[in-house]
């Protein structure tokens, strides 16, 4: 059993909440919004026997409070936070895993600050700017924001989930959250509290981010792109991940489950994450 400790890091405009546990080389886990570190808690547990695992809430979400007025939060800001967190942890670069919007953070971190990243696994980064129908998606997600303004967070999130997954039946098939354990219920409460910030200040800037695939392709950071085996084929996350892998000239790695596989199939996903990083270690030893 590996104990975890909770700490905070002051960065420009926010105070980041992060958790550290395990032993070995540093591995930074980056969740997507509106979730927080709790979404990757099971994945962290499966990796702490091999890594010093650091998970955190991105700025403005849950326990990472803003220290100034709310404003649009783009991927570059999130990536700068991740860089500062890695630097605060020590002098060595970190392995990085990001899911969803957290994968976008990881991609920008690897492109602009490669000295801080030993290797990156980006699981289903939702990057509609990489898609040929990007103009359609800009208008569609603008519609989600407009729904938030006119009808509130609940209606907008229903629209957002159905839109990004490309399946209007997604909401009907969601699990019964009343059966979740207490720690998961606590996280769901935090996520509910994040919705206004996510929809008002994060949704559009993040989904209009385009990864610098040229810098990633020619840069020193090994990148693994993960896709869910059961993710909807028409969904933005899967289509974006496939487009990214094609631009990088690499084969995507199939992870169990869908877009939330790192949370719902954490044990199997932890092994795939470790395998990706172990290949990097093997190359470094040669």
Foldseek 3Di string as FASTA:
>chain_A
DKDKDWDWDDDVFKIKIKIWIADEFEEEEFEDPPFFQLLLVLLCVLCRPHHGYMGIGFDLAQPIDTPDDAAADALVNSLVVVQVVLVVVDDQAHAYEYAALGLSNVLQNCLPPVRNHQAYERELHQALVLPPVSVVVLVQLVVLLVCCVVPNQVVSVLSVVCQQLVHNCVVVPDDDCVPDDPVVVVRVVRNVVRRVSCSPHYRNNSRNDDRPLVSVLPDDYHYAYEAEPPRRPPGSRRVVSVSSCVSSVHDHDYAYDHSSRCNPVVNRVSVVSVVVVVVSVVVVVD
